[in-house]
């Protein structure tokens, strides 16, 4: 009895210590996290204005979906390069370079007069995003107090807040003019650039340079390979909801923004507060697979009730909760399942998983246009099954070397 009491006291003290350390972070951590919020706004920012872009630039849904495709294609490929760049010029310079590129190309996107121009500028935006996002996680992990788990939660909180605020900002500015969200993002990222320029301490390059092939070599590890490809299939569903659903809601900018603001709020809350609780009870791999099954059911229901707007809205918001849980789980597993340095593991993992964002938007909108409105959701459900199968095959590696084993 006495031993149980002591263990309970120790566990309580540990939890209290983690809460304290999460809030007491260096200014550099909060500055980087704020910049992450602005960066992730760029993903959901275009959601409320997708129909408006299609209308103003005389384009179809699948053409407009290429805004996601070009953005994530460049982001994914450049993930293989970010480690080599960062190891030669240092994390701070890499972050600032990424932010500068986002400012430039987000501003240029607002001047576009055709979908082709806009897609091209989003590709440049993706380049800046890759340099920033891949390095930001490694910087937060290295600078934050409280360990890797606390740093990842802070990063996921920033991701969730950005994904929630993006549609809201996009709706507010997009209701005035569809170009407004792009100029707004450029202004916010310029603020982040200035803040980090002065608040983020210099991060000299490491003694050992990272090779261009290091992220691909890291993927030879069976655990990291499995987690990454399961995340690719998971992200297919994620971006089917994000990129395709605005076209079937039948709402204006404000309505779409409100729906995805609710979705993003669930994403943020569940990634930060609920994911760790479930993980502590059943483990990261089991949490991921359970949540994937829940998402599979949601995709099927979206397909069945695609023409019942209140049901679609409810399902989209609920999906945000499950997606938030899995965002945290996949990131934690990827950062701990292999013996690769964290920046290298992050680069390899992100290269694979962002391919889901490359494939899903165009595939979903094309299927919706040419085959049937409900088909993209049924395809997402099938792909979610693949994510479960791959995760199941990787569970032993995750349980032996993943977050719970660290």
Protein backbone atom coordinates (compact mmCIF):
# COMPACT_ATOMS: atom_id res chain seq x y z
CA UNK A 1 0.00 0.00 0.00
CA UNK A 2 2.82 2.36 0.93
CA UNK A 3 4.63 1.60 -2.32
CA UNK A 4 1.46 2.27 -4.33
CA UNK A 5 1.05 5.58 -2.53
CA UNK A 6 4.65 6.53 -3.28
CA UNK A 7 4.24 5.61 -6.95
CA UNK A 8 1.04 7.65 -7.19
CA UNK A 9 2.80 10.60 -5.60
CA UNK A 10 5.72 10.28 -8.00
CA UNK A 11 3.40 10.00 -11.00
CA UNK A 12 1.46 13.05 -9.84
CA UNK A 13 4.68 14.97 -9.35
CA UNK A 14 5.85 13.97 -12.82
CA UNK A 15 2.61 15.12 -14.46
CA UNK A 16 2.74 18.40 -12.56
CA UNK A 17 6.37 18.87 -13.60
CA UNK A 18 5.48 18.24 -17.26
CA UNK A 19 2.65 20.80 -17.11
CA UNK A 20 4.98 23.35 -15.54
CA UNK A 21 7.77 22.73 -18.04
CA UNK A 22 5.33 23.00 -20.94
CA UNK A 23 4.35 26.53 -19.92
CA UNK A 24 7.80 27.71 -18.85
CA UNK A 25 9.59 27.79 -22.16
CA UNK A 26 12.30 30.09 -23.52
CA UNK A 27 11.11 33.02 -25.62
CA UNK A 28 12.68 31.35 -28.66
CA UNK A 29 10.31 28.39 -28.31
CA UNK A 30 7.21 30.58 -28.20
CA UNK A 31 8.48 32.68 -31.10
CA UNK A 32 9.08 29.58 -33.22
CA UNK A 33 5.71 28.10 -32.21
CA UNK A 34 3.97 31.36 -33.21
CA UNK A 35 5.70 31.26 -36.57
CA UNK A 36 4.49 27.64 -36.91
CA UNK A 37 0.93 28.82 -36.28
CA UNK A 38 1.27 31.32 -39.12
CA UNK A 39 2.92 28.73 -41.39
CA UNK A 40 0.19 26.13 -40.86
CA UNK A 41 -2.44 28.78 -41.49
CA UNK A 42 -1.28 28.59 -45.09
CA UNK A 43 -2.63 25.03 -45.44
CA UNK A 44 -6.23 25.74 -44.44
CA UNK A 45 -6.21 29.35 -45.55
CA UNK A 46 -7.31 28.58 -49.10
CA UNK A 47 -10.15 26.26 -48.03
CA UNK A 48 -12.92 28.90 -47.75
CA UNK A 49 -11.90 30.56 -51.01
CA UNK A 50 -11.56 27.46 -53.22
CA UNK A 51 -15.00 27.94 -54.84
CA UNK A 52 -14.34 31.69 -55.19
CA UNK A 53 -10.97 31.05 -56.87
CA UNK A 54 -12.63 28.59 -59.26
CA UNK A 55 -15.31 31.16 -60.11
CA UNK A 56 -13.01 34.18 -60.46
CA UNK A 57 -10.33 32.40 -62.46
CA UNK A 58 -12.80 30.35 -64.53
CA UNK A 59 -11.45 26.97 -63.39
CA UNK A 60 -12.84 23.61 -62.33
CA UNK A 61 -12.56 22.07 -58.88
CA UNK A 62 -9.79 19.69 -59.93
CA UNK A 63 -7.76 22.56 -61.42
CA UNK A 64 -8.08 24.57 -58.22
CA UNK A 65 -7.10 21.50 -56.16
CA UNK A 66 -3.66 21.77 -57.80
CA UNK A 67 -3.02 24.57 -55.27
CA UNK A 68 -2.60 21.78 -52.75
CA UNK A 69 -0.79 19.45 -55.17
CA UNK A 70 1.96 21.91 -56.16
CA UNK A 71 2.36 23.11 -52.58
CA UNK A 72 2.79 19.67 -51.07
CA UNK A 73 4.75 18.18 -53.97
CA UNK A 74 7.49 20.78 -53.53
CA UNK A 75 7.23 20.58 -49.74
CA UNK A 76 7.62 16.79 -49.79
CA UNK A 77 10.59 16.69 -52.17
CA UNK A 78 12.34 19.56 -50.44
CA UNK A 79 12.08 17.71 -47.13
CA UNK A 80 14.93 15.58 -48.46
CA UNK A 81 17.08 18.68 -48.85
CA UNK A 82 16.26 20.62 -45.68
CA UNK A 83 18.50 18.50 -43.45
CA UNK A 84 21.50 19.03 -45.70
CA UNK A 85 20.82 22.77 -45.86
CA UNK A 86 20.27 23.13 -42.12
CA UNK A 87 23.41 21.18 -41.25
CA UNK A 88 25.46 23.59 -43.37
CA UNK A 89 23.99 26.98 -42.53
CA UNK A 90 22.35 26.28 -39.16
CA UNK A 91 18.74 26.03 -38.02
CA UNK A 92 18.10 29.75 -37.59
CA UNK A 93 19.25 30.71 -41.08
CA UNK A 94 17.23 27.85 -42.55
CA UNK A 95 14.10 28.96 -40.69
CA UNK A 96 14.53 32.57 -41.75
CA UNK A 97 15.17 31.56 -45.38
CA UNK A 98 11.96 29.53 -45.38
CA UNK A 99 9.96 32.37 -43.88
CA UNK A 100 11.35 34.84 -46.41
CA UNK A 101 10.33 32.59 -49.31
CA UNK A 102 6.82 32.21 -47.87
CA UNK A 103 6.48 36.00 -47.58
CA UNK A 104 7.57 36.47 -51.20
CA UNK A 105 5.46 33.72 -52.79
CA UNK A 106 2.35 34.25 -50.66
CA UNK A 107 2.43 37.90 -51.74
CA UNK A 108 2.93 36.94 -55.38
CA UNK A 109 0.03 34.45 -55.15
CA UNK A 110 -2.25 37.38 -54.37
CA UNK A 111 -1.32 38.98 -57.71
CA UNK A 112 -2.22 35.92 -59.82
CA UNK A 113 -4.47 36.30 -62.84
CA UNK A 114 -4.73 32.61 -63.72
CA UNK A 115 -4.82 29.26 -61.97
CA UNK A 116 -1.48 28.39 -63.58
CA UNK A 117 0.20 31.40 -62.00
CA UNK A 118 -1.38 30.67 -58.64
CA UNK A 119 -0.30 27.02 -58.75
CA UNK A 120 3.25 28.09 -59.59
CA UNK A 121 3.42 30.58 -56.74
CA UNK A 122 2.03 27.97 -54.34
CA UNK A 123 4.90 25.72 -55.41
CA UNK A 124 7.37 28.42 -54.37
CA UNK A 125 5.42 28.80 -51.15
CA UNK A 126 5.85 25.06 -50.61
CA UNK A 127 9.61 25.45 -50.94
CA UNK A 128 9.64 28.00 -48.13
CA UNK A 129 7.28 25.85 -46.09
CA UNK A 130 9.61 22.84 -46.37
CA UNK A 131 12.62 24.80 -45.17
CA UNK A 132 10.66 26.24 -42.28
CA UNK A 133 8.49 23.34 -41.08
CA UNK A 134 11.12 20.59 -41.14
CA UNK A 135 13.58 22.77 -39.26
CA UNK A 136 11.02 24.25 -36.83
CA UNK A 137 10.27 20.91 -35.18
CA UNK A 138 13.96 20.14 -34.73
CA UNK A 139 14.57 23.65 -33.32
CA UNK A 140 11.70 23.39 -30.84
CA UNK A 141 12.89 19.95 -29.74
CA UNK A 142 16.43 21.25 -29.18
CA UNK A 143 15.46 24.48 -27.39
CA UNK A 144 12.35 23.50 -25.39
CA UNK A 145 12.53 22.54 -21.72
CA UNK A 146 10.74 19.39 -20.59
CA UNK A 147 11.97 16.91 -23.19
CA UNK A 148 10.95 15.74 -26.65
CA UNK A 149 7.36 14.82 -25.71
CA UNK A 150 6.65 18.36 -24.46
CA UNK A 151 8.26 19.86 -27.56
CA UNK A 152 6.15 17.70 -29.89
CA UNK A 153 2.95 18.65 -28.05
CA UNK A 154 3.87 22.34 -28.42
CA UNK A 155 4.54 21.79 -32.12
CA UNK A 156 1.25 19.96 -32.62
CA UNK A 157 -0.57 22.69 -30.69
CA UNK A 158 0.88 25.24 -33.10
CA UNK A 159 -0.15 23.05 -36.03
CA UNK A 160 -3.68 22.73 -34.68
CA UNK A 161 -4.06 26.44 -33.95
CA UNK A 162 -2.76 27.27 -37.41
CA UNK A 163 -5.12 24.81 -39.07
CA UNK A 164 -8.02 26.27 -37.04
CA UNK A 165 -7.15 29.93 -37.59
CA UNK A 166 -6.32 29.49 -41.29
CA UNK A 167 -9.91 28.90 -42.49
CA UNK A 168 -11.17 31.69 -40.23
CA UNK A 169 -8.65 34.18 -41.60
CA UNK A 170 -9.25 32.92 -45.13
CA UNK A 171 -12.99 33.42 -44.70
CA UNK A 172 -12.68 36.89 -43.19
CA UNK A 173 -10.29 38.21 -45.83
CA UNK A 174 -11.72 36.11 -48.65
CA UNK A 175 -15.21 37.52 -48.13
CA UNK A 176 -13.74 40.90 -49.11
CA UNK A 177 -11.65 39.62 -52.00
CA UNK A 178 -10.26 36.18 -52.82
CA UNK A 179 -6.76 37.69 -53.04
CA UNK A 180 -6.92 38.98 -49.46
CA UNK A 181 -5.89 35.74 -47.66
CA UNK A 182 -2.65 35.56 -49.65
CA UNK A 183 -1.64 39.10 -48.81
CA UNK A 184 -2.70 38.51 -45.19
CA UNK A 185 -0.47 35.45 -44.92
CA UNK A 186 2.48 37.35 -46.37
CA UNK A 187 2.02 40.06 -43.71
CA UNK A 188 1.77 37.55 -40.84
CA UNK A 189 4.84 35.62 -41.98
CA UNK A 190 6.76 38.89 -42.27
CA UNK A 191 5.93 39.56 -38.61
CA UNK A 192 7.12 36.04 -37.69
CA UNK A 193 10.31 36.61 -39.69
CA UNK A 194 11.11 39.80 -37.76
CA UNK A 195 10.32 38.22 -34.38
CA UNK A 196 12.53 35.18 -35.01
CA UNK A 197 15.31 37.33 -36.42
CA UNK A 198 15.70 38.94 -33.00
CA UNK A 199 14.38 36.32 -30.56
CA UNK A 200 15.76 33.03 -31.87
CA UNK A 201 19.34 32.47 -30.72
CA UNK A 202 21.94 31.65 -33.32
CA UNK A 203 22.11 27.94 -34.03
CA UNK A 204 25.50 27.08 -35.50
CA UNK A 205 25.70 24.18 -37.96
CA UNK A 206 26.44 20.80 -36.36
CA UNK A 207 29.94 19.37 -36.59
CA UNK A 208 28.71 16.56 -38.84
CA UNK A 209 27.03 17.52 -42.10
CA UNK A 210 23.87 15.71 -43.19
CA UNK A 211 24.03 14.14 -46.64
CA UNK A 212 21.27 14.52 -49.20
CA UNK A 213 20.67 10.78 -49.10
CA UNK A 214 20.39 10.56 -45.28
CA UNK A 215 16.54 10.85 -45.10
CA UNK A 216 16.09 8.11 -47.72
CA UNK A 217 18.62 5.90 -45.92
CA UNK A 218 16.74 6.48 -42.67
CA UNK A 219 13.61 5.08 -44.32
CA UNK A 220 15.37 1.72 -44.61
CA UNK A 221 14.51 1.29 -40.95
CA UNK A 222 11.41 -0.90 -40.98
CA UNK A 223 9.71 0.96 -38.14
CA UNK A 224 10.17 4.44 -39.66
CA UNK A 225 9.24 3.10 -43.09
CA UNK A 226 6.00 1.63 -41.77
CA UNK A 227 5.02 4.69 -39.75
CA UNK A 228 5.75 6.97 -42.71
CA UNK A 229 3.70 4.99 -45.23
CA UNK A 230 0.83 4.52 -42.82
CA UNK A 231 0.91 8.32 -42.40
CA UNK A 232 0.83 8.74 -46.20
CA UNK A 233 -2.40 6.73 -46.42
CA UNK A 234 -3.78 8.55 -43.37
CA UNK A 235 -3.04 11.92 -44.97
CA UNK A 236 -4.93 10.88 -48.08
CA UNK A 237 -8.14 10.96 -46.06
CA UNK A 238 -7.07 14.11 -44.22
CA UNK A 239 -6.70 16.07 -47.45
CA UNK A 240 -9.76 14.55 -49.06
CA UNK A 241 -11.79 16.17 -46.29
CA UNK A 242 -9.82 19.42 -46.42
CA UNK A 243 -9.63 19.95 -50.19
CA UNK A 244 -12.79 18.30 -51.53
CA UNK A 245 -15.49 19.03 -48.93
CA UNK A 246 -15.62 22.83 -49.53
CA UNK A 247 -16.99 22.13 -53.02
CA UNK A 248 -19.95 20.04 -51.79
CA UNK A 249 -21.00 22.19 -48.82
CA UNK A 250 -22.64 24.84 -50.96
CA UNK A 251 -21.58 27.61 -48.56
CA UNK A 252 -19.89 30.94 -49.15
CA UNK A 253 -16.51 31.90 -47.73
CA UNK A 254 -17.81 32.64 -44.23
CA UNK A 255 -19.77 29.39 -44.01
CA UNK A 256 -16.87 27.23 -45.19
CA UNK A 257 -14.51 29.09 -42.88
CA UNK A 258 -16.80 28.49 -39.89
CA UNK A 259 -17.03 24.75 -40.58
CA UNK A 260 -13.30 24.33 -40.89
CA UNK A 261 -12.66 26.58 -37.92
CA UNK A 262 -14.66 24.10 -35.83
CA UNK A 263 -12.73 21.28 -37.49
CA UNK A 264 -9.41 22.98 -36.70
CA UNK A 265 -10.37 23.68 -33.08
CA UNK A 266 -11.11 19.98 -32.56
CA UNK A 267 -7.83 19.18 -34.29
CA UNK A 268 -5.91 21.43 -31.87
CA UNK A 269 -7.65 20.39 -28.64
CA UNK A 270 -7.51 16.67 -29.28
CA UNK A 271 -3.91 16.70 -30.52
CA UNK A 272 -2.69 18.45 -27.36
CA UNK A 273 -4.95 17.29 -24.54
CA UNK A 274 -6.67 14.05 -25.55
CA UNK A 275 -4.01 12.24 -27.60
CA UNK A 276 -1.54 11.87 -24.66
CA UNK A 277 -4.30 10.53 -22.38
CA UNK A 278 -5.34 7.80 -24.82
CA UNK A 279 -1.72 7.00 -25.67
CA UNK A 280 -0.89 6.48 -22.00
CA UNK A 281 -3.70 3.93 -21.73
CA UNK A 282 -3.35 1.83 -24.88
CA UNK A 283 -0.09 2.92 -26.56
CA UNK A 284 0.67 4.95 -29.68
CA UNK A 285 0.20 2.17 -32.27
CA UNK A 286 -3.14 1.00 -30.84
CA UNK A 287 -4.35 4.60 -30.51
CA UNK A 288 -3.48 5.24 -34.15
CA UNK A 289 -5.22 2.13 -35.46
CA UNK A 290 -8.33 2.72 -33.34
CA UNK A 291 -8.58 6.30 -34.58
CA UNK A 292 -8.06 5.20 -38.19
CA UNK A 293 -11.04 2.86 -37.87
CA UNK A 294 -13.08 5.78 -36.57
CA UNK A 295 -12.00 7.90 -39.54
CA UNK A 296 -12.86 5.07 -41.92
CA UNK A 297 -16.43 5.09 -40.56
CA UNK A 298 -16.64 8.87 -40.93
CA UNK A 299 -15.50 8.69 -44.57
CA UNK A 300 -18.18 6.07 -45.32
CA UNK A 301 -20.84 8.22 -43.63
CA UNK A 302 -19.69 11.28 -45.58
CA UNK A 303 -20.15 9.28 -48.76
CA UNK A 304 -23.63 8.14 -47.75
CA UNK A 305 -24.85 11.53 -46.48
CA UNK A 306 -22.93 13.83 -48.85
CA UNK A 307 -26.16 15.58 -49.85
CA UNK A 308 -27.32 16.22 -46.26
CA UNK A 309 -25.45 19.37 -45.31
CA UNK A 310 -25.98 19.33 -41.49
CA UNK A 311 -24.67 15.76 -41.32
CA UNK A 312 -21.66 16.62 -43.48
CA UNK A 313 -20.84 19.59 -41.23
CA UNK A 314 -21.08 17.45 -38.08
CA UNK A 315 -18.94 14.67 -39.55
CA UNK A 316 -16.26 17.12 -40.75
CA UNK A 317 -15.98 18.70 -37.29
CA UNK A 318 -15.84 15.28 -35.59
CA UNK A 319 -13.17 14.15 -38.03
CA UNK A 320 -11.00 17.02 -36.79
CA UNK A 321 -10.87 15.42 -33.34
CA UNK A 322 -9.70 12.06 -34.69
CA UNK A 323 -7.25 13.67 -37.10
CA UNK A 324 -5.79 15.70 -34.22
CA UNK A 325 -5.12 12.57 -32.20
CA UNK A 326 -3.37 10.87 -35.09
CA UNK A 327 -1.29 13.92 -35.99
CA UNK A 328 0.33 13.72 -32.55
CA UNK A 329 0.68 9.94 -32.62
CA UNK A 330 2.36 9.80 -36.02
CA UNK A 331 4.78 12.61 -35.18
CA UNK A 332 5.80 11.01 -31.87
CA UNK A 333 6.26 7.60 -33.47
CA UNK A 334 8.29 8.98 -36.37
CA UNK A 335 10.60 10.91 -34.04
CA UNK A 336 11.31 7.96 -31.75
CA UNK A 337 10.92 4.68 -33.62
CA UNK A 338 14.36 4.68 -35.30
CA UNK A 339 17.90 5.51 -34.26
CA UNK A 340 18.24 8.18 -36.97
CA UNK A 341 18.93 11.76 -35.79
CA UNK A 342 15.64 13.57 -35.26
CA UNK A 343 16.04 16.09 -38.13
CA UNK A 344 16.87 13.23 -40.51
CA UNK A 345 13.98 11.06 -39.31
CA UNK A 346 11.64 14.06 -39.56
CA UNK A 347 12.77 14.79 -43.13
CA UNK A 348 12.30 11.20 -44.30
CA UNK A 349 8.94 10.87 -42.58
CA UNK A 350 7.63 14.19 -43.90
CA UNK A 351 8.80 13.39 -47.44
CA UNK A 352 6.62 10.28 -47.46
CA UNK A 353 3.61 11.49 -45.52
CA UNK A 354 3.14 14.77 -47.44
CA UNK A 355 2.71 12.70 -50.59
CA UNK A 356 -0.79 12.09 -49.27
CA UNK A 357 -1.36 15.83 -49.65
CA UNK A 358 -0.01 15.65 -53.20
CA UNK A 359 -2.25 12.80 -54.35
CA UNK A 360 -5.53 13.29 -52.47
CA UNK A 361 -6.81 16.76 -53.48
CA UNK A 362 -6.58 16.25 -57.26
CA UNK A 363 -7.71 12.61 -57.07
CA UNK A 364 -10.71 13.44 -54.88
CA UNK A 365 -11.93 16.39 -56.93
CA UNK A 366 -11.40 14.54 -60.22
CA UNK A 367 -13.39 11.54 -58.93
CA UNK A 368 -16.08 13.87 -57.66
CA UNK A 369 -16.34 15.61 -61.03
CA UNK A 370 -16.19 12.53 -63.23
CA UNK A 371 -17.51 9.55 -61.25
CA UNK A 372 -19.75 10.64 -58.40
CA UNK A 373 -19.94 13.05 -55.47
CA UNK A 374 -19.66 10.32 -52.84
CA UNK A 375 -16.84 8.33 -54.50
CA UNK A 376 -13.89 10.35 -53.06
CA UNK A 377 -15.01 9.54 -49.53
CA UNK A 378 -15.35 5.82 -50.27
CA UNK A 379 -11.86 5.84 -51.77
CA UNK A 380 -10.57 7.58 -48.63
CA UNK A 381 -12.17 4.81 -46.54
CA UNK A 382 -10.37 2.13 -48.56
CA UNK A 383 -7.07 3.98 -48.21
CA UNK A 384 -7.66 4.22 -44.44
CA UNK A 385 -7.80 0.42 -44.40
CA UNK A 386 -4.33 0.38 -45.98
CA UNK A 387 -3.12 2.75 -43.25
CA UNK A 388 -4.38 0.32 -40.59
CA UNK A 389 -2.75 -2.68 -42.28
CA UNK A 390 0.64 -0.95 -42.55
CA UNK A 391 0.40 0.26 -38.95
CA UNK A 392 -0.49 -3.23 -37.79
CA UNK A 393 2.61 -4.60 -39.54
CA UNK A 394 4.74 -1.93 -37.83
CA UNK A 395 3.25 -2.23 -34.34
CA UNK A 396 5.99 -4.42 -32.91
CA UNK A 397 8.68 -1.91 -33.92
CA UNK A 398 6.71 0.98 -32.46
CA UNK A 399 6.07 -0.83 -29.19
CA UNK A 400 9.75 -1.81 -28.90
CA UNK A 401 11.28 1.54 -29.89
CA UNK A 402 8.46 4.08 -30.03
CA UNK A 403 7.27 6.74 -27.58
CA UNK A 404 6.42 4.31 -24.76
CA UNK A 405 9.83 2.63 -24.97
CA UNK A 406 11.79 5.90 -24.71
